[in-house]
Amino acid sequence: MEETLCIFLLISQLSVAVSGTLVVNVAQTFYQAEENHHITLEWTFTPKTLSSSNIYILCELLTDQKVSKVLFQLHEGVEVSESQDEQFSGRVQFDKDVLREGRLRLDVSRLRTEDSGLYLCEVNTESGSSSDKCRLNVTATHQLTCQTEPIQAEEGGDVSLQCHLDPSVDLRKETLEFTRADLNREDDVVHSYSDEKDRTYRQMDQYRGRTTLIHEDLIRGIISLNISSLTLTDSGLYTCYVPGLADSATITLTVVRKDQDNRTNTTIIESEKPGAEKMNVGAIVGGVLTVVALILVLIILRVLVKPRNLWMKKKQEAEKTPNISEMEKLETTSTEGDEELQKMILETS
């Protein structure tokens, strides 16, 4: 009888000891969030504490570099902000209301990529000590940007469609696609890339053998697609899509003929100068009138100079052989020639 009673008392004591053992569990073992967002990390513990003044909590971040940083500390129910690492200063909110329910909730705001790592929380109460951990991964917020200005290229030539991520990230393991957004059809793939290889089985027939993705640029977060032997049907709206980042951007391409390109450029240059056409016409008319005036002057000089020369020659001969009547005749001819020259000049004016 005494042996039976002892066994019963022993079992009762073990039951009380087991029921009083503190157990801490994390609500979620893995958290995924984006930079500048917020997240709530939660742990539960049993049995519940009778008084918050009897609880001690220490939560730390264990980085991949094996460095520990204090995220949160509670001593006898009072938060110890002095021990908190400056990385988390002003970004951690503690929910006091749920603590008596056996729950520890920490809201971390304005997340940074360096917040990624393993979070370990240890809880101490009158029931004992226990801990559990979870992992948080914070990814940077990326923006895919392509050339904003429409691209104009010549028929038969080559063109490069380029986009980039900001901040940059290695894209070699990502899935990438260039499609024609303006065609409104399912088989609109211009170029596809996945598992670090180009995939041509989904490519439109019109682009087969004419597209090249520059793999060397992917490590720097740059997506460069070259299209060769351009045709007029290549004109349109191109979409660059990165499914893993759920982001996309568009580029407009216009392919023109060579002669059309030249006419376009000429039109643009002339349109930039108001009144250029009137100025050109005025310059042409002025030039023609100047040439005509020069020709008339030359004709007049040729007509008048020749008789003058003949007169001078005869005058010289008459001086050698004096003859008064001949000299008077020459003087008369000279006077008449001068009068005729003046008359013609007046008429021309």
C-alpha atoms as a PDB file:
ATOM      1  CA  MET A   1       0.000   0.000   0.000  1.00  0.00           C
ATOM      2  CA  GLU A   2       2.776   2.395   0.884  1.00  0.00           C
ATOM      3  CA  GLU A   3       4.623   1.533  -2.335  1.00  0.00           C
ATOM      4  CA  THR A   4       1.508   2.281  -4.379  1.00  0.00           C
ATOM      5  CA  LEU A   5       1.100   5.664  -2.665  1.00  0.00           C
ATOM      6  CA  CYS A   6       4.717   6.593  -3.323  1.00  0.00           C
ATOM      7  CA  ILE A   7       4.380   5.726  -7.010  1.00  0.00           C
ATOM      8  CA  PHE A   8       1.227   7.878  -7.238  1.00  0.00           C
ATOM      9  CA  LEU A   9       2.915  10.858  -5.588  1.00  0.00           C
ATOM     10  CA  LEU A  10       5.912  10.528  -7.885  1.00  0.00           C
ATOM     11  CA  ILE A  11       3.706  10.489 -10.982  1.00  0.00           C
ATOM     12  CA  SER A  12       1.828  13.536  -9.712  1.00  0.00           C
ATOM     13  CA  GLN A  13       5.036  15.474  -9.149  1.00  0.00           C
ATOM     14  CA  LEU A  14       6.290  14.578 -12.625  1.00  0.00           C
ATOM     15  CA  SER A  15       3.010  15.705 -14.147  1.00  0.00           C
ATOM     16  CA  VAL A  16       3.249  19.070 -12.384  1.00  0.00           C
ATOM     17  CA  ALA A  17       6.848  19.507 -13.482  1.00  0.00           C
ATOM     18  CA  VAL A  18       6.010  18.679 -17.114  1.00  0.00           C
ATOM     19  CA  SER A  19       2.950  20.931 -17.159  1.00  0.00           C
ATOM     20  CA  GLY A  20       5.028  23.800 -15.765  1.00  0.00           C
ATOM     21  CA  THR A  21       7.806  23.582 -18.369  1.00  0.00           C
ATOM     22  CA  LEU A  22       7.953  26.651 -20.640  1.00  0.00           C
ATOM     23  CA  VAL A  23       7.652  26.010 -24.380  1.00  0.00           C
ATOM     24  CA  VAL A  24       8.301  28.704 -27.011  1.00  0.00           C
ATOM     25  CA  ASN A  25       7.161  28.299 -30.620  1.00  0.00           C
ATOM     26  CA  VAL A  26       7.568  30.621 -33.569  1.00  0.00           C
ATOM     27  CA  ALA A  27       4.373  31.411 -35.478  1.00  0.00           C
ATOM     28  CA  GLN A  28       6.119  31.175 -38.841  1.00  0.00           C
ATOM     29  CA  THR A  29       9.547  29.723 -39.612  1.00  0.00           C
ATOM     30  CA  PHE A  30      10.204  31.853 -42.739  1.00  0.00           C
ATOM     31  CA  TYR A  31       9.252  35.419 -43.633  1.00  0.00           C
ATOM     32  CA  GLN A  32       9.670  37.116 -46.991  1.00  0.00           C
ATOM     33  CA  ALA A  33       9.355  40.892 -47.405  1.00  0.00           C
ATOM     34  CA  GLU A  34      10.436  43.760 -49.618  1.00  0.00           C
ATOM     35  CA  GLU A  35      12.653  46.682 -48.754  1.00  0.00           C
ATOM     36  CA  ASN A  36      10.877  49.663 -47.079  1.00  0.00           C
ATOM     37  CA  HIS A  37       7.864  47.503 -46.180  1.00  0.00           C
ATOM     38  CA  HIS A  38       7.071  46.268 -42.647  1.00  0.00           C
ATOM     39  CA  ILE A  39       6.596  42.825 -41.122  1.00  0.00           C
ATOM     40  CA  THR A  40       5.360  41.316 -37.844  1.00  0.00           C
ATOM     41  CA  LEU A  41       7.432  38.571 -36.216  1.00  0.00           C
ATOM     42  CA  GLU A  42       5.499  36.478 -33.685  1.00  0.00           C
ATOM     43  CA  TRP A  43       6.281  33.831 -31.071  1.00  0.00           C
ATOM     44  CA  THR A  44       3.991  32.033 -28.595  1.00  0.00           C
ATOM     45  CA  PHE A  45       4.871  30.581 -25.214  1.00  0.00           C
ATOM     46  CA  THR A  46       3.110  28.270 -22.729  1.00  0.00           C
ATOM     47  CA  PRO A  47       2.191  28.267 -19.997  1.00  0.00           C
ATOM     48  CA  LYS A  48       1.134  31.883 -19.843  1.00  0.00           C
ATOM     49  CA  THR A  49       2.872  34.004 -17.266  1.00  0.00           C
ATOM     50  CA  LEU A  50       0.892  35.157 -14.247  1.00  0.00           C
ATOM     51  CA  SER A  51       2.683  38.495 -14.089  1.00  0.00           C
ATOM     52  CA  SER A  52       4.554  40.449 -16.777  1.00  0.00           C
ATOM     53  CA  SER A  53       7.074  41.464 -14.129  1.00  0.00           C
ATOM     54  CA  ASN A  54       8.313  37.872 -14.022  1.00  0.00           C
ATOM     55  CA  ILE A  55       9.143  37.675 -17.737  1.00  0.00           C
ATOM     56  CA  TYR A  56      12.489  38.191 -19.440  1.00  0.00           C
ATOM     57  CA  ILE A  57      12.818  38.228 -23.253  1.00  0.00           C
ATOM     58  CA  LEU A  58      15.834  38.599 -25.508  1.00  0.00           C
ATOM     59  CA  CYS A  59      15.464  38.592 -29.327  1.00  0.00           C
ATOM     60  CA  GLU A  60      18.533  38.795 -31.544  1.00  0.00           C
ATOM     61  CA  LEU A  61      19.416  38.830 -35.226  1.00  0.00           C
ATOM     62  CA  LEU A  62      22.074  36.296 -36.184  1.00  0.00           C
ATOM     63  CA  THR A  63      23.558  37.410 -39.505  1.00  0.00           C
ATOM     64  CA  ASP A  64      25.236  35.236 -42.094  1.00  0.00           C
ATOM     65  CA  GLN A  65      28.516  36.723 -40.874  1.00  0.00           C
ATOM     66  CA  LYS A  66      27.888  35.107 -37.450  1.00  0.00           C
ATOM     67  CA  VAL A  67      27.262  38.512 -35.835  1.00  0.00           C
ATOM     68  CA  SER A  68      24.468  38.918 -33.274  1.00  0.00           C
ATOM     69  CA  LYS A  69      22.482  42.148 -32.955  1.00  0.00           C
ATOM     70  CA  VAL A  70      19.857  42.815 -30.291  1.00  0.00           C
ATOM     71  CA  LEU A  71      16.435  43.314 -31.841  1.00  0.00           C
ATOM     72  CA  PHE A  72      14.418  43.525 -28.622  1.00  0.00           C
ATOM     73  CA  GLN A  73      14.927  43.035 -24.873  1.00  0.00           C
ATOM     74  CA  LEU A  74      12.432  42.902 -22.022  1.00  0.00           C
ATOM     75  CA  HIS A  75      13.578  42.841 -18.387  1.00  0.00           C
ATOM     76  CA  GLU A  76      10.979  42.215 -15.671  1.00  0.00           C
ATOM     77  CA  GLY A  77       8.281  43.338 -18.072  1.00  0.00           C
ATOM     78  CA  VAL A  78      10.085  46.597 -18.996  1.00  0.00           C
ATOM     79  CA  GLU A  79      11.542  47.201 -22.463  1.00  0.00           C
ATOM     80  CA  VAL A  80      15.294  47.883 -22.450  1.00  0.00           C
ATOM     81  CA  SER A  81      15.829  50.169 -25.446  1.00  0.00           C
ATOM     82  CA  GLU A  82      19.448  50.929 -24.514  1.00  0.00           C
ATOM     83  CA  SER A  83      20.525  47.430 -25.453  1.00  0.00           C
ATOM     84  CA  GLN A  84      18.883  47.549 -28.877  1.00  0.00           C
ATOM     85  CA  ASP A  85      21.274  47.620 -31.826  1.00  0.00           C
ATOM     86  CA  GLU A  86      21.262  50.978 -33.644  1.00  0.00           C
ATOM     87  CA  GLN A  87      20.315  49.179 -36.858  1.00  0.00           C
ATOM     88  CA  PHE A  88      16.796  48.693 -35.416  1.00  0.00           C
ATOM     89  CA  SER A  89      16.534  51.995 -33.547  1.00  0.00           C
ATOM     90  CA  GLY A  90      13.056  53.510 -33.902  1.00  0.00           C
ATOM     91  CA  ARG A  91      11.813  50.676 -36.119  1.00  0.00           C
ATOM     92  CA  VAL A  92      10.556  48.027 -33.658  1.00  0.00           C
ATOM     93  CA  GLN A  93       7.128  48.186 -31.992  1.00  0.00           C
ATOM     94  CA  PHE A  94       6.249  45.855 -29.081  1.00  0.00           C
ATOM     95  CA  ASP A  95       2.630  44.765 -28.521  1.00  0.00           C
ATOM     96  CA  LYS A  96       2.194  44.742 -24.738  1.00  0.00           C
ATOM     97  CA  ASP A  97      -1.487  43.785 -24.803  1.00  0.00           C
ATOM     98  CA  VAL A  98      -0.934  40.261 -26.116  1.00  0.00           C
ATOM     99  CA  LEU A  99       1.976  39.400 -23.830  1.00  0.00           C
ATOM    100  CA  ARG A 100      -0.286  38.047 -21.038  1.00  0.00           C
ATOM    101  CA  GLU A 101      -1.938  35.820 -23.627  1.00  0.00           C
ATOM    102  CA  GLY A 102       1.384  34.081 -24.143  1.00  0.00           C
ATOM    103  CA  ARG A 103       2.214  35.873 -27.402  1.00  0.00           C
ATOM    104  CA  LEU A 104       5.210  37.967 -28.348  1.00  0.00           C
ATOM    105  CA  ARG A 105       4.624  40.272 -31.342  1.00  0.00           C
ATOM    106  CA  LEU A 106       7.305  42.556 -32.773  1.00  0.00           C
ATOM    107  CA  ASP A 107       6.478  44.819 -35.708  1.00  0.00           C
ATOM    108  CA  VAL A 108       9.586  45.836 -37.695  1.00  0.00           C
ATOM    109  CA  SER A 109       9.058  48.800 -40.069  1.00  0.00           C
ATOM    110  CA  ARG A 110      11.032  50.352 -42.955  1.00  0.00           C
ATOM    111  CA  LEU A 111      12.750  47.061 -43.677  1.00  0.00           C
ATOM    112  CA  ARG A 112      16.276  47.026 -45.063  1.00  0.00           C
ATOM    113  CA  THR A 113      18.089  44.317 -46.968  1.00  0.00           C
ATOM    114  CA  GLU A 114      20.564  44.034 -44.081  1.00  0.00           C
ATOM    115  CA  ASP A 115      17.671  42.992 -41.825  1.00  0.00           C
ATOM    116  CA  SER A 116      17.795  39.591 -43.520  1.00  0.00           C
ATOM    117  CA  GLY A 117      18.949  36.736 -41.298  1.00  0.00           C
ATOM    118  CA  LEU A 118      18.007  34.351 -38.489  1.00  0.00           C
ATOM    119  CA  TYR A 119      15.986  35.759 -35.564  1.00  0.00           C
ATOM    120  CA  LEU A 120      16.213  33.942 -32.230  1.00  0.00           C
ATOM    121  CA  CYS A 121      13.964  34.799 -29.284  1.00  0.00           C
ATOM    122  CA  GLU A 122      14.548  33.394 -25.777  1.00  0.00           C
ATOM    123  CA  VAL A 123      11.845  33.690 -23.122  1.00  0.00           C
ATOM    124  CA  ASN A 124      12.347  33.233 -19.369  1.00  0.00           C
ATOM    125  CA  THR A 125       9.465  33.023 -16.863  1.00  0.00           C
ATOM    126  CA  GLU A 126       8.738  31.362 -13.544  1.00  0.00           C
ATOM    127  CA  SER A 127       7.975  28.246 -15.591  1.00  0.00           C
ATOM    128  CA  GLY A 128      11.428  27.990 -17.098  1.00  0.00           C
ATOM    129  CA  SER A 129      13.342  29.026 -20.207  1.00  0.00           C
ATOM    130  CA  SER A 130      12.854  28.237 -23.898  1.00  0.00           C
ATOM    131  CA  SER A 131      13.583  29.671 -27.347  1.00  0.00           C
ATOM    132  CA  ASP A 132      12.741  29.346 -31.038  1.00  0.00           C
ATOM    133  CA  LYS A 133      13.913  30.945 -34.264  1.00  0.00           C
ATOM    134  CA  CYS A 134      12.699  32.114 -37.661  1.00  0.00           C
ATOM    135  CA  ARG A 135      14.342  33.405 -40.810  1.00  0.00           C
ATOM    136  CA  LEU A 136      13.615  36.723 -42.522  1.00  0.00           C
ATOM    137  CA  ASN A 137      14.606  37.518 -46.105  1.00  0.00           C
ATOM    138  CA  VAL A 138      14.300  41.127 -47.261  1.00  0.00           C
ATOM    139  CA  THR A 139      14.678  41.770 -50.987  1.00  0.00           C
ATOM    140  CA  ALA A 140      15.436  45.103 -52.597  1.00  0.00           C
ATOM    141  CA  THR A 141      12.676  46.898 -54.474  1.00  0.00           C
ATOM    142  CA  HIS A 142      13.756  46.962 -58.118  1.00  0.00           C
ATOM    143  CA  GLN A 143      12.469  49.134 -60.929  1.00  0.00           C
ATOM    144  CA  LEU A 144      12.811  48.078 -64.547  1.00  0.00           C
ATOM    145  CA  THR A 145      13.459  51.016 -66.865  1.00  0.00           C
ATOM    146  CA  CYS A 146      13.820  51.034 -70.667  1.00  0.00           C
ATOM    147  CA  GLN A 147      14.674  53.750 -73.181  1.00  0.00           C
ATOM    148  CA  THR A 148      11.873  56.287 -72.876  1.00  0.00           C
ATOM    149  CA  GLU A 149      12.385  58.045 -76.223  1.00  0.00           C
ATOM    150  CA  PRO A 150      11.108  56.192 -79.332  1.00  0.00           C
ATOM    151  CA  ILE A 151      13.913  54.507 -81.260  1.00  0.00           C
ATOM    152  CA  GLN A 152      14.208  55.119 -85.018  1.00  0.00           C
ATOM    153  CA  ALA A 153      16.290  52.732 -87.095  1.00  0.00           C
ATOM    154  CA  GLU A 154      16.956  52.174 -90.794  1.00  0.00           C
ATOM    155  CA  GLU A 155      15.566  49.297 -92.806  1.00  0.00           C
ATOM    156  CA  GLY A 156      18.203  46.605 -93.245  1.00  0.00           C
ATOM    157  CA  GLY A 157      20.249  47.871 -90.290  1.00  0.00           C
ATOM    158  CA  ASP A 158      20.582  46.733 -86.665  1.00  0.00           C
ATOM    159  CA  VAL A 159      19.138  48.062 -83.412  1.00  0.00           C
ATOM    160  CA  SER A 160      19.664  47.464 -79.689  1.00  0.00           C
ATOM    161  CA  LEU A 161      16.706  47.482 -77.274  1.00  0.00           C
ATOM    162  CA  GLN A 162      18.060  48.077 -73.769  1.00  0.00           C
ATOM    163  CA  CYS A 163      16.539  48.045 -70.282  1.00  0.00           C
ATOM    164  CA  HIS A 164      18.105  48.052 -66.818  1.00  0.00           C
ATOM    165  CA  LEU A 165      17.201  47.392 -63.186  1.00  0.00           C
ATOM    166  CA  ASP A 166      17.643  49.991 -60.476  1.00  0.00           C
ATOM    167  CA  PRO A 167      19.234  48.992 -58.193  1.00  0.00           C
ATOM    168  CA  SER A 168      21.086  46.505 -60.354  1.00  0.00           C
ATOM    169  CA  VAL A 169      20.949  42.777 -59.659  1.00  0.00           C
ATOM    170  CA  ASP A 170      22.391  39.715 -61.375  1.00  0.00           C
ATOM    171  CA  LEU A 171      19.741  38.577 -63.897  1.00  0.00           C
ATOM    172  CA  ARG A 172      21.464  35.457 -65.199  1.00  0.00           C
ATOM    173  CA  LYS A 173      19.157  33.127 -63.254  1.00  0.00           C
ATOM    174  CA  GLU A 174      15.991  35.099 -64.000  1.00  0.00           C
ATOM    175  CA  THR A 175      13.426  34.469 -66.734  1.00  0.00           C
ATOM    176  CA  LEU A 176      13.316  37.260 -69.328  1.00  0.00           C
ATOM    177  CA  GLU A 177      10.969  37.943 -72.217  1.00  0.00           C
ATOM    178  CA  PHE A 178      10.658  40.467 -75.025  1.00  0.00           C
ATOM    179  CA  THR A 179       7.214  40.521 -76.643  1.00  0.00           C
ATOM    180  CA  ARG A 180       5.282  42.634 -79.160  1.00  0.00           C
ATOM    181  CA  ALA A 181       2.580  44.368 -77.141  1.00  0.00           C
ATOM    182  CA  ASP A 182       0.968  45.936 -80.212  1.00  0.00           C
ATOM    183  CA  LEU A 183       0.138  42.685 -82.035  1.00  0.00           C
ATOM    184  CA  ASN A 184      -2.611  41.484 -79.646  1.00  0.00           C
ATOM    185  CA  ARG A 185      -1.832  37.828 -80.218  1.00  0.00           C
ATOM    186  CA  GLU A 186      -0.671  34.947 -78.020  1.00  0.00           C
ATOM    187  CA  ASP A 187       2.443  34.028 -80.019  1.00  0.00           C
ATOM    188  CA  ASP A 188       4.007  37.488 -79.670  1.00  0.00           C
ATOM    189  CA  VAL A 189       7.405  36.427 -78.259  1.00  0.00           C
ATOM    190  CA  VAL A 190      10.361  38.235 -79.817  1.00  0.00           C
ATOM    191  CA  HIS A 191      12.972  36.609 -77.558  1.00  0.00           C
ATOM    192  CA  SER A 192      12.829  34.381 -74.473  1.00  0.00           C
ATOM    193  CA  TYR A 193      15.475  33.481 -71.885  1.00  0.00           C
ATOM    194  CA  SER A 194      15.271  31.084 -68.915  1.00  0.00           C
ATOM    195  CA  ASP A 195      17.510  28.682 -66.958  1.00  0.00           C
ATOM    196  CA  GLU A 196      20.489  30.687 -68.250  1.00  0.00           C
ATOM    197  CA  LYS A 197      19.708  29.765 -71.871  1.00  0.00           C
ATOM    198  CA  ASP A 198      17.986  31.399 -74.861  1.00  0.00           C
ATOM    199  CA  ARG A 199      14.693  29.724 -75.721  1.00  0.00           C
ATOM    200  CA  THR A 200      13.702  29.922 -79.381  1.00  0.00           C
ATOM    201  CA  TYR A 201      10.830  27.440 -79.502  1.00  0.00           C
ATOM    202  CA  ARG A 202       8.312  30.173 -78.596  1.00  0.00           C
ATOM    203  CA  GLN A 203       9.844  32.840 -80.821  1.00  0.00           C
ATOM    204  CA  MET A 204       7.852  34.387 -83.669  1.00  0.00           C
ATOM    205  CA  ASP A 205       8.968  33.198 -87.105  1.00  0.00           C
ATOM    206  CA  GLN A 206       9.608  36.762 -88.202  1.00  0.00           C
ATOM    207  CA  TYR A 207      12.436  37.127 -85.632  1.00  0.00           C
ATOM    208  CA  ARG A 208      14.113  33.726 -85.924  1.00  0.00           C
ATOM    209  CA  GLY A 209      17.858  34.050 -86.411  1.00  0.00           C
ATOM    210  CA  ARG A 210      17.767  37.843 -85.996  1.00  0.00           C
ATOM    211  CA  THR A 211      17.776  38.379 -82.196  1.00  0.00           C
ATOM    212  CA  THR A 212      20.716  38.218 -79.776  1.00  0.00           C
ATOM    213  CA  LEU A 213      20.535  38.674 -76.001  1.00  0.00           C
ATOM    214  CA  ILE A 214      23.825  39.955 -74.555  1.00  0.00           C
ATOM    215  CA  HIS A 215      24.434  37.529 -71.663  1.00  0.00           C
ATOM    216  CA  GLU A 216      27.466  39.459 -70.395  1.00  0.00           C
ATOM    217  CA  ASP A 217      25.231  42.438 -69.518  1.00  0.00           C
ATOM    218  CA  LEU A 218      22.855  40.401 -67.348  1.00  0.00           C
ATOM    219  CA  ILE A 219      25.264  40.223 -64.405  1.00  0.00           C
ATOM    220  CA  ARG A 220      25.096  44.048 -64.204  1.00  0.00           C
ATOM    221  CA  GLY A 221      21.299  44.146 -64.316  1.00  0.00           C
ATOM    222  CA  ILE A 222      21.221  45.262 -67.969  1.00  0.00           C
ATOM    223  CA  ILE A 223      18.984  43.604 -70.551  1.00  0.00           C
ATOM    224  CA  SER A 224      20.253  44.247 -74.104  1.00  0.00           C
ATOM    225  CA  LEU A 225      18.484  42.675 -77.080  1.00  0.00           C
ATOM    226  CA  ASN A 226      19.984  43.188 -80.545  1.00  0.00           C
ATOM    227  CA  ILE A 227      17.784  42.807 -83.635  1.00  0.00           C
ATOM    228  CA  SER A 228      19.541  42.561 -87.006  1.00  0.00           C
ATOM    229  CA  SER A 229      18.410  42.951 -90.650  1.00  0.00           C
ATOM    230  CA  LEU A 230      15.501  45.167 -89.699  1.00  0.00           C
ATOM    231  CA  THR A 231      12.316  45.160 -91.764  1.00  0.00           C
ATOM    232  CA  LEU A 232       9.442  47.636 -91.834  1.00  0.00           C
ATOM    233  CA  THR A 233       7.232  45.087 -90.026  1.00  0.00           C
ATOM    234  CA  ASP A 234       9.580  45.256 -87.012  1.00  0.00           C
ATOM    235  CA  SER A 235       8.091  48.644 -86.142  1.00  0.00           C
ATOM    236  CA  GLY A 236       5.960  48.489 -83.016  1.00  0.00           C
ATOM    237  CA  LEU A 237       5.725  48.441 -79.224  1.00  0.00           C
ATOM    238  CA  TYR A 238       8.104  46.032 -77.448  1.00  0.00           C
ATOM    239  CA  THR A 239       7.613  44.876 -73.828  1.00  0.00           C
ATOM    240  CA  CYS A 240      10.481  43.670 -71.639  1.00  0.00           C
ATOM    241  CA  TYR A 241       9.185  41.444 -68.816  1.00  0.00           C
ATOM    242  CA  VAL A 242      10.935  39.935 -65.773  1.00  0.00           C
ATOM    243  CA  PRO A 243       8.411  37.535 -64.147  1.00  0.00           C
ATOM    244  CA  GLY A 244      10.552  36.910 -61.065  1.00  0.00           C
ATOM    245  CA  LEU A 245      10.386  40.614 -60.183  1.00  0.00           C
ATOM    246  CA  ALA A 246       6.835  41.084 -61.479  1.00  0.00           C
ATOM    247  CA  ASP A 247       7.990  44.130 -63.414  1.00  0.00           C
ATOM    248  CA  SER A 248       7.933  45.203 -67.056  1.00  0.00           C
ATOM    249  CA  ALA A 249       8.654  48.189 -69.310  1.00  0.00           C
ATOM    250  CA  THR A 250       8.053  49.111 -72.962  1.00  0.00           C
ATOM    251  CA  ILE A 251      10.081  50.462 -75.892  1.00  0.00           C
ATOM    252  CA  THR A 252       8.772  51.929 -79.163  1.00  0.00           C
ATOM    253  CA  LEU A 253      10.689  51.084 -82.343  1.00  0.00           C
ATOM    254  CA  THR A 254      10.148  52.694 -85.754  1.00  0.00           C
ATOM    255  CA  VAL A 255      11.884  51.265 -88.838  1.00  0.00           C
ATOM    256  CA  VAL A 256      12.131  53.612 -91.863  1.00  0.00           C
ATOM    257  CA  ARG A 257      13.431  53.367 -95.400  1.00  0.00           C
ATOM    258  CA  LYS A 258      16.691  55.146 -96.209  1.00  0.00           C
ATOM    259  CA  ASP A 259      15.100  57.786 -98.480  1.00  0.00           C
ATOM    260  CA  GLN A 260      12.270  58.313 -96.034  1.00  0.00           C
ATOM    261  CA  ASP A 261      14.818  58.797 -93.264  1.00  0.00           C
ATOM    262  CA  ASN A 262      16.607  61.498 -95.293  1.00  0.00           C
ATOM    263  CA  ARG A 263      13.376  63.335 -96.060  1.00  0.00           C
ATOM    264  CA  THR A 264      12.382  63.197 -92.450  1.00  0.00           C
ATOM    265  CA  ASN A 265      15.661  64.672 -91.310  1.00  0.00           C
ATOM    266  CA  THR A 266      15.457  67.472 -93.918  1.00  0.00           C
ATOM    267  CA  THR A 267      11.919  68.323 -92.862  1.00  0.00           C
ATOM    268  CA  ILE A 268      12.922  68.516 -89.216  1.00  0.00           C
ATOM    269  CA  ILE A 269      15.864  70.827 -89.916  1.00  0.00           C
ATOM    270  CA  GLU A 270      13.813  73.208 -92.073  1.00  0.00           C
ATOM    271  CA  SER A 271      10.924  73.291 -89.646  1.00  0.00           C
ATOM    272  CA  GLU A 272      13.285  74.382 -86.909  1.00  0.00           C
ATOM    273  CA  LYS A 273      13.976  77.638 -88.850  1.00  0.00           C
ATOM    274  CA  PRO A 274      10.781  79.697 -89.355  1.00  0.00           C
ATOM    275  CA  GLY A 275      10.739  81.583 -92.674  1.00  0.00           C
ATOM    276  CA  ALA A 276      13.622  79.532 -94.096  1.00  0.00           C
ATOM    277  CA  GLU A 277      11.698  78.849 -97.319  1.00  0.00           C
ATOM    278  CA  LYS A 278      11.050  82.588 -97.943  1.00  0.00           C
ATOM    279  CA  MET A 279      14.669  83.406 -97.246  1.00  0.00           C
ATOM    280  CA  ASN A 280      15.845  80.811 -99.791  1.00  0.00           C
ATOM    281  CA  VAL A 281      13.516  82.165-102.540  1.00  0.00           C
ATOM    282  CA  GLY A 282      14.640  85.749-101.905  1.00  0.00           C
ATOM    283  CA  ALA A 283      18.293  84.744-102.075  1.00  0.00           C
ATOM    284  CA  ILE A 284      17.776  82.941-105.404  1.00  0.00           C
ATOM    285  CA  VAL A 285      15.913  85.892-106.998  1.00  0.00           C
ATOM    286  CA  GLY A 286      18.565  88.347-105.784  1.00  0.00           C
ATOM    287  CA  GLY A 287      21.336  86.186-107.194  1.00  0.00           C
ATOM    288  CA  VAL A 288      19.665  85.951-110.616  1.00  0.00           C
ATOM    289  CA  LEU A 289      19.148  89.724-110.828  1.00  0.00           C
ATOM    290  CA  THR A 290      22.785  90.336-109.911  1.00  0.00           C
ATOM    291  CA  VAL A 291      24.011  88.015-112.672  1.00  0.00           C
ATOM    292  CA  VAL A 292      21.699  89.663-115.247  1.00  0.00           C
ATOM    293  CA  ALA A 293      22.953  93.149-114.279  1.00  0.00           C
ATOM    294  CA  LEU A 294      26.594  92.069-114.641  1.00  0.00           C
ATOM    295  CA  ILE A 295      25.911  90.626-118.091  1.00  0.00           C
ATOM    296  CA  LEU A 296      24.257  93.888-119.227  1.00  0.00           C
ATOM    297  CA  VAL A 297      27.192  95.956-117.987  1.00  0.00           C
ATOM    298  CA  LEU A 298      29.648  93.738-119.860  1.00  0.00           C
ATOM    299  CA  ILE A 299      27.613  94.039-123.084  1.00  0.00           C
ATOM    300  CA  ILE A 300      27.468  97.862-122.773  1.00  0.00           C
ATOM    301  CA  LEU A 301      31.177  98.124-122.141  1.00  0.00           C
ATOM    302  CA  ARG A 302      31.944  95.858-125.097  1.00  0.00           C
ATOM    303  CA  VAL A 303      29.704  97.911-127.418  1.00  0.00           C
ATOM    304  CA  LEU A 304      31.139 101.297-126.349  1.00  0.00           C
ATOM    305  CA  VAL A 305      34.770 100.499-125.761  1.00  0.00           C
ATOM    306  CA  LYS A 306      35.373  99.077-129.230  1.00  0.00           C
ATOM    307  CA  PRO A 307      34.395 102.317-131.156  1.00  0.00           C
ATOM    308  CA  ARG A 308      36.379 104.350-128.651  1.00  0.00           C
ATOM    309  CA  ASN A 309      39.471 102.292-129.349  1.00  0.00           C
ATOM    310  CA  LEU A 310      39.014 102.780-133.113  1.00  0.00           C
ATOM    311  CA  TRP A 311      38.686 106.518-132.594  1.00  0.00           C
ATOM    312  CA  MET A 312      41.866 106.694-130.534  1.00  0.00           C
ATOM    313  CA  LYS A 313      43.754 104.808-133.197  1.00  0.00           C
ATOM    314  CA  LYS A 314      42.627 107.164-135.984  1.00  0.00           C
ATOM    315  CA  LYS A 315      43.442 110.179-133.807  1.00  0.00           C
ATOM    316  CA  GLN A 316      46.991 108.968-133.326  1.00  0.00           C
ATOM    317  CA  GLU A 317      47.394 108.529-137.091  1.00  0.00           C
ATOM    318  CA  ALA A 318      46.010 112.027-137.737  1.00  0.00           C
ATOM    319  CA  GLU A 319      48.490 113.570-135.331  1.00  0.00           C
ATOM    320  CA  LYS A 320      51.334 112.011-137.232  1.00  0.00           C
ATOM    321  CA  THR A 321      49.954 113.498-140.457  1.00  0.00           C
ATOM    322  CA  PRO A 322      48.350 116.825-139.589  1.00  0.00           C
ATOM    323  CA  ASN A 323      45.033 117.282-141.299  1.00  0.00           C
ATOM    324  CA  ILE A 324      42.676 119.802-139.753  1.00  0.00           C
ATOM    325  CA  SER A 325      39.481 118.430-141.296  1.00  0.00           C
ATOM    326  CA  GLU A 326      40.374 114.923-140.155  1.00  0.00           C
ATOM    327  CA  MET A 327      41.030 116.086-136.597  1.00  0.00           C
ATOM    328  CA  GLU A 328      37.727 117.946-136.454  1.00  0.00           C
ATOM    329  CA  LYS A 329      35.938 114.828-137.679  1.00  0.00           C
ATOM    330  CA  LEU A 330      37.487 112.734-134.968  1.00  0.00           C
ATOM    331  CA  GLU A 331      36.575 115.257-132.256  1.00  0.00           C
ATOM    332  CA  THR A 332      32.990 115.239-133.489  1.00  0.00           C
ATOM    333  CA  THR A 333      32.916 111.415-133.438  1.00  0.00           C
ATOM    334  CA  SER A 334      34.321 111.374-129.908  1.00  0.00           C
ATOM    335  CA  THR A 335      31.699 113.816-128.678  1.00  0.00           C
ATOM    336  CA  GLU A 336      28.909 111.830-130.251  1.00  0.00           C
ATOM    337  CA  GLY A 337      30.301 108.631-128.743  1.00  0.00           C
ATOM    338  CA  ASP A 338      30.367 110.205-125.302  1.00  0.00           C
ATOM    339  CA  GLU A 339      26.804 111.381-125.631  1.00  0.00           C
ATOM    340  CA  GLU A 340      25.657 107.939-126.784  1.00  0.00           C
ATOM    341  CA  LEU A 341      27.415 106.294-123.803  1.00  0.00           C
ATOM    342  CA  GLN A 342      25.719 108.629-121.345  1.00  0.00           C
ATOM    343  CA  LYS A 343      22.350 108.006-123.010  1.00  0.00           C
ATOM    344  CA  MET A 344      22.736 104.230-122.731  1.00  0.00           C
ATOM    345  CA  ILE A 345      23.798 104.454-119.087  1.00  0.00           C
ATOM    346  CA  LEU A 346      20.772 106.587-118.287  1.00  0.00           C
ATOM    347  CA  GLU A 347      18.471 104.135-120.034  1.00  0.00           C
ATOM    348  CA  THR A 348      20.015 101.208-118.141  1.00  0.00           C
ATOM    349  CA  SER A 349      19.532 102.976-114.851  1.00  0.00           C
END
